[in-house]
Amino acid sequence: MNIVVCIKQVPDSADVRINPETGTLIREGVPSIVNPYDMHAVEAGLWIREKAAKEFAETAKVIALTMGPPQAEAALREVISMGVDEAVLLSDKAFAGSDTWATSYALSRAIRKLQADIIICGKQAIDGDTAQVGPEVAELLNIPHVAYVKKIDDIGSNSIRVERLMEDGYDIVESSLPVLLTVVRELNEPRLPSLKGKMAAKKAVIKKWGHVDIAADEHKLGLKGSPTQVKKIFAPEAKKDRTMLSGSAEAQVDALIVELRRLKCL
């Protein structure tokens, strides 16, 4: 059983800065981390590997996959230190500027090559917050997917049963394999790297694939293969006009209602 976990290296959200002239993120000198949701995906992959070996004596392998510049290799080594077996870095100038669709296309081509039985992604990345890549990969692979997985109830050699988080509770969903899951924080608590894992991460050989290695159509990658493009991003302007309310709670509520009516919010 091959379990592929898709991860992404993202800027540390506490240190994100925006260039006021270009409207783009300033990445130079900004520390990067593994997308937090993806850490829960890694833990899920490791848990499935352990359960498969224990309950139906099947050898499972966890493979981390990411697309990014050469420095994204650091993110792969971090998850190897947690227990991931292998790692693949998709890095190629042809991938530069890819939107979610072009990114999903590249990932799907790599996943086909890896012959994955289960693909696990975090529900979204904290830099883009689109939550599109996971479902798009599943559609491109023409396999079922379950989003917002909060619990894995059971895993067999040919099927999986999970609980999907909903606004008013949860659904119990059973799917055949192969399947793609996107997971939420409630699923688990990611394990800490072990000393043995850290040593293995330093020595690990990271596979590096370009668009030729995954037999991808170059016209479907990068900016030219992206149907959407971000023209500008900006931080909201801080407004200086503000009104301070004082007095008892009742007096503040009355004053707030008056102010909201003045602003035509009520």
Protein backbone atom coordinates (compact mmCIF):
# COMPACT_ATOMS: atom_id res chain seq x y z
CA MET A 1 0.00 0.00 0.00
CA ASN A 2 1.40 3.37 -1.03
CA ILE A 3 0.26 6.36 1.03
CA VAL A 4 1.15 9.71 -0.53
CA VAL A 5 0.98 12.79 1.69
CA CYS A 6 1.00 16.15 -0.10
CA ILE A 7 2.69 18.90 1.88
CA LYS A 8 3.55 22.52 1.22
CA GLN A 9 6.24 24.83 2.56
CA VAL A 10 4.65 28.16 3.50
CA PRO A 11 5.89 31.42 5.06
CA ASP A 12 5.55 31.57 8.83
CA SER A 13 2.23 33.42 9.12
CA ALA A 14 3.49 35.51 12.03
CA ASP A 15 6.18 37.03 9.82
CA VAL A 16 4.34 37.66 6.55
CA ARG A 17 5.08 41.06 5.02
CA ILE A 18 3.81 42.62 1.81
CA ASN A 19 5.77 44.80 -0.60
CA PRO A 20 3.65 47.98 -0.86
CA GLU A 21 4.89 48.73 -4.39
CA THR A 22 4.45 45.32 -6.01
CA GLY A 23 1.66 43.98 -3.80
CA THR A 24 3.48 40.63 -3.47
CA LEU A 25 4.68 38.66 -0.46
CA ILE A 26 8.20 39.40 0.77
CA ARG A 27 9.74 35.94 1.12
CA GLU A 28 13.39 36.92 1.51
CA GLY A 29 14.50 36.51 5.10
CA VAL A 30 11.10 35.15 6.15
CA PRO A 31 11.27 31.75 7.89
CA SER A 32 9.29 28.94 6.30
CA ILE A 33 7.35 26.12 7.93
CA VAL A 34 5.44 23.05 6.84
CA ASN A 35 1.81 24.02 6.36
CA PRO A 36 0.23 23.18 9.77
CA TYR A 37 -2.72 21.26 8.31
CA ASP A 38 -0.26 19.11 6.35
CA MET A 39 1.39 17.99 9.58
CA HIS A 40 -1.90 16.37 10.55
CA ALA A 41 -1.97 14.72 7.10
CA VAL A 42 1.52 13.29 7.74
CA GLU A 43 0.43 11.92 11.11
CA ALA A 44 -2.62 10.33 9.46
CA GLY A 45 -0.40 8.63 6.88
CA LEU A 46 1.90 7.25 9.57
CA TRP A 47 -1.08 6.01 11.60
CA ILE A 48 -2.54 4.20 8.57
CA ARG A 49 0.84 2.59 7.86
CA GLU A 50 1.06 1.30 11.42
CA LYS A 51 -2.54 0.05 11.46
CA ALA A 52 -2.14 -1.71 8.11
CA ALA A 53 0.93 -3.58 9.36
CA LYS A 54 -0.75 -4.54 12.64
CA GLU A 55 -4.26 -5.49 11.56
CA PHE A 56 -3.93 -7.05 8.11
CA ALA A 57 -0.21 -7.60 7.79
CA GLU A 58 0.18 -5.37 4.77
CA THR A 59 3.37 -3.48 4.15
CA ALA A 60 2.57 0.20 3.68
CA LYS A 61 4.88 3.03 2.68
CA VAL A 62 4.40 6.73 3.36
CA ILE A 63 5.71 9.06 0.64
CA ALA A 64 5.79 12.84 1.12
CA LEU A 65 5.27 14.91 -2.02
CA THR A 66 5.69 18.64 -2.48
CA MET A 67 6.06 21.13 -5.31
CA GLY A 68 8.26 24.18 -4.87
CA PRO A 69 11.71 25.71 -5.18
CA PRO A 70 14.84 23.76 -4.12
CA GLN A 71 14.60 25.07 -0.55
CA ALA A 72 11.33 23.16 -0.12
CA GLU A 73 13.57 20.14 0.43
CA ALA A 74 13.82 21.29 4.06
CA ALA A 75 10.10 20.64 4.55
CA LEU A 76 10.49 17.11 3.21
CA ARG A 77 13.39 16.39 5.56
CA GLU A 78 11.29 17.62 8.47
CA VAL A 79 8.51 15.10 7.78
CA ILE A 80 11.06 12.33 7.17
CA SER A 81 12.25 12.98 10.73
CA MET A 82 8.69 12.18 11.85
CA GLY A 83 8.83 8.76 10.18
CA VAL A 84 7.98 9.28 6.50
CA ASP A 85 9.66 6.61 4.33
CA GLU A 86 10.39 8.51 1.11
CA ALA A 87 10.09 12.02 -0.29
CA VAL A 88 9.69 13.56 -3.73
CA LEU A 89 10.29 17.21 -4.63
CA LEU A 90 8.71 18.58 -7.81
CA SER A 91 10.96 21.45 -8.76
CA ASP A 92 11.20 22.91 -12.25
CA LYS A 93 11.10 26.37 -13.79
CA ALA A 94 8.09 25.11 -15.73
CA PHE A 95 6.12 25.00 -12.45
CA ALA A 96 6.74 28.67 -11.56
CA GLY A 97 3.59 30.76 -11.19
CA SER A 98 1.20 27.79 -11.09
CA ASP A 99 -2.26 28.49 -9.72
CA THR A 100 -4.22 25.80 -7.86
CA TRP A 101 -5.31 24.08 -11.09
CA ALA A 102 -1.81 23.89 -12.57
CA THR A 103 -0.42 22.80 -9.18
CA SER A 104 -3.05 20.07 -8.92
CA TYR A 105 -2.23 18.89 -12.43
CA ALA A 106 1.48 18.55 -11.61
CA LEU A 107 0.78 16.77 -8.33
CA SER A 108 -1.68 14.39 -9.99
CA ARG A 109 0.92 13.42 -12.60
CA ALA A 110 3.44 12.65 -9.84
CA ILE A 111 0.86 10.67 -7.85
CA ARG A 112 0.07 8.55 -10.91
CA LYS A 113 3.76 7.71 -11.16
CA LEU A 114 3.87 6.82 -7.46
CA GLN A 115 0.81 4.55 -7.85
CA ALA A 116 -0.83 5.78 -4.67
CA ASP A 117 -3.61 3.90 -2.90
CA ILE A 118 -4.36 6.67 -0.41
CA ILE A 119 -3.58 10.37 -0.88
CA ILE A 120 -3.80 12.66 2.14
CA CYS A 121 -3.70 16.47 2.12
CA GLY A 122 -4.27 19.14 4.72
CA LYS A 123 -7.65 20.80 4.21
CA GLN A 124 -5.95 23.98 2.98
CA ALA A 125 -2.70 25.93 2.99
CA ILE A 126 -2.42 28.90 5.34
CA ASP A 127 -0.91 31.14 2.64
CA GLY A 128 -3.57 30.69 -0.05
CA ASP A 129 -6.53 29.41 2.01
CA THR A 130 -8.29 28.11 -1.12
CA ALA A 131 -8.84 24.46 -0.06
CA GLN A 132 -8.92 23.66 -3.78
CA VAL A 133 -5.83 21.56 -4.45
CA GLY A 134 -6.92 18.35 -2.70
CA PRO A 135 -10.30 18.01 -4.45
CA GLU A 136 -8.80 19.11 -7.78
CA VAL A 137 -6.13 16.40 -7.58
CA ALA A 138 -8.82 13.79 -6.92
CA GLU A 139 -10.85 14.98 -9.92
CA LEU A 140 -7.80 14.87 -12.18
CA LEU A 141 -7.07 11.33 -10.96
CA ASN A 142 -10.75 10.41 -11.36
CA ILE A 143 -10.94 8.93 -7.86
CA PRO A 144 -13.29 9.60 -4.91
CA HIS A 145 -12.34 12.16 -2.28
CA VAL A 146 -13.56 13.01 1.21
CA ALA A 147 -12.93 16.51 2.56
CA TYR A 148 -12.68 17.73 6.17
CA VAL A 149 -11.89 14.32 7.67
CA LYS A 150 -11.96 14.52 11.48
CA LYS A 151 -11.55 10.83 12.28
CA ILE A 152 -10.47 7.64 10.54
CA ASP A 153 -12.77 4.90 11.84
CA ASP A 154 -11.36 1.93 9.99
CA ILE A 155 -8.92 1.02 7.24
CA GLY A 156 -8.90 -2.21 5.24
CA SER A 157 -6.84 -3.46 2.35
CA ASN A 158 -9.43 -2.17 -0.15
CA SER A 159 -11.55 0.36 1.74
CA ILE A 160 -11.57 3.10 4.35
CA ARG A 161 -14.25 4.53 6.65
CA VAL A 162 -13.96 8.08 7.98
CA GLU A 163 -15.93 10.80 9.73
CA ARG A 164 -16.33 14.02 7.76
CA LEU A 165 -16.75 17.26 9.70
CA MET A 166 -19.96 19.16 8.88
CA GLU A 167 -21.45 22.39 10.22
CA ASP A 168 -24.15 20.53 12.14
CA GLY A 169 -22.20 17.41 13.14
CA TYR A 170 -20.43 14.82 11.04
CA ASP A 171 -21.04 12.26 8.29
CA ILE A 172 -19.71 8.71 8.27
CA VAL A 173 -18.32 8.00 4.80
CA GLU A 174 -16.95 4.71 3.47
CA SER A 175 -14.92 4.66 0.27
CA SER A 176 -13.07 2.17 -1.86
CA LEU A 177 -9.39 2.67 -2.63
CA PRO A 178 -7.73 4.59 -4.17
CA VAL A 179 -9.13 7.67 -2.40
CA LEU A 180 -8.01 11.17 -1.50
CA LEU A 181 -8.64 12.64 1.95
CA THR A 182 -8.27 16.21 3.17
CA VAL A 183 -7.93 16.44 6.93
CA VAL A 184 -8.62 18.96 9.69
CA ARG A 185 -6.78 19.70 12.94
CA GLU A 186 -9.26 17.69 15.02
CA LEU A 187 -8.05 14.45 13.43
CA ASN A 188 -4.91 13.94 15.51
CA GLU A 189 -1.88 15.39 17.25
CA PRO A 190 1.25 15.25 15.05
CA ARG A 191 4.10 13.33 16.65
CA LEU A 192 7.47 14.89 17.44
CA PRO A 193 10.54 13.83 15.47
CA SER A 194 12.70 11.19 17.12
CA LEU A 195 16.50 11.31 17.33
CA LYS A 196 16.61 8.33 14.97
CA GLY A 197 14.26 10.15 12.63
CA LYS A 198 16.38 13.29 12.61
CA MET A 199 19.45 11.27 11.72
CA ALA A 200 17.55 9.51 8.94
CA ALA A 201 16.33 12.86 7.61
CA LYS A 202 19.88 14.18 7.28
CA LYS A 203 20.98 11.15 5.27
CA ALA A 204 17.80 10.73 3.19
CA VAL A 205 18.02 11.02 -0.57
CA ILE A 206 15.24 13.28 -1.85
CA LYS A 207 13.98 12.42 -5.31
CA LYS A 208 13.79 15.52 -7.51
CA TRP A 209 11.42 15.41 -10.48
CA GLY A 210 10.82 17.96 -13.21
CA HIS A 211 7.92 18.11 -15.64
CA VAL A 212 9.62 15.59 -17.97
CA ASP A 213 9.92 13.02 -15.18
CA ILE A 214 6.17 13.05 -14.57
CA ALA A 215 5.26 13.21 -18.27
CA ALA A 216 3.41 16.49 -17.76
CA ASP A 217 2.23 18.72 -20.59
CA GLU A 218 4.29 21.91 -20.24
CA HIS A 219 1.37 23.97 -21.58
CA LYS A 220 -0.67 23.00 -18.51
CA LEU A 221 1.96 24.21 -16.04
CA GLY A 222 3.15 27.52 -14.63
CA LEU A 223 1.65 30.88 -15.54
CA LYS A 224 0.73 29.88 -19.07
CA GLY A 225 -1.11 26.83 -17.79
CA SER A 226 -2.97 28.72 -15.07
CA PRO A 227 -6.52 29.88 -15.83
CA THR A 228 -6.42 32.23 -12.82
CA GLN A 229 -3.80 34.77 -11.74
CA VAL A 230 -3.43 36.95 -8.65
CA LYS A 231 -3.02 40.54 -9.78
CA LYS A 232 -2.41 42.09 -6.39
CA ILE A 233 -2.51 41.42 -2.67
CA PHE A 234 -2.54 44.05 0.04
CA ALA A 235 -2.94 44.47 3.77
CA PRO A 236 -6.11 46.28 4.92
CA GLU A 237 -5.46 49.91 5.82
CA ALA A 238 -5.66 50.71 9.50
CA LYS A 239 -8.34 53.36 10.10
CA LYS A 240 -7.65 55.94 12.77
CA ASP A 241 -11.23 57.08 13.39
CA ARG A 242 -12.69 55.20 16.32
CA THR A 243 -15.22 55.76 19.06
CA MET A 244 -14.64 54.68 22.65
CA LEU A 245 -17.72 53.74 24.67
CA SER A 246 -17.79 54.13 28.43
CA GLY A 247 -20.22 53.73 31.26
CA SER A 248 -22.20 50.70 32.37
CA ALA A 249 -22.77 47.73 30.07
CA GLU A 250 -26.34 48.88 29.44
CA ALA A 251 -25.19 52.42 28.60
CA GLN A 252 -22.54 51.09 26.22
CA VAL A 253 -25.10 48.89 24.44
CA ASP A 254 -27.45 51.87 24.00
CA ALA A 255 -24.60 54.03 22.70
CA LEU A 256 -23.50 51.27 20.32
CA ILE A 257 -27.00 50.98 18.86
CA VAL A 258 -27.11 54.74 18.28
CA GLU A 259 -23.71 54.64 16.57
CA LEU A 260 -24.64 51.66 14.34
CA ARG A 261 -27.82 53.44 13.27
CA ARG A 262 -25.78 56.55 12.45
CA LEU A 263 -23.53 54.43 10.27
CA LYS A 264 -26.63 52.82 8.74
CA CYS A 265 -25.55 49.35 9.89
CA LEU A 266 -28.95 48.74 11.47
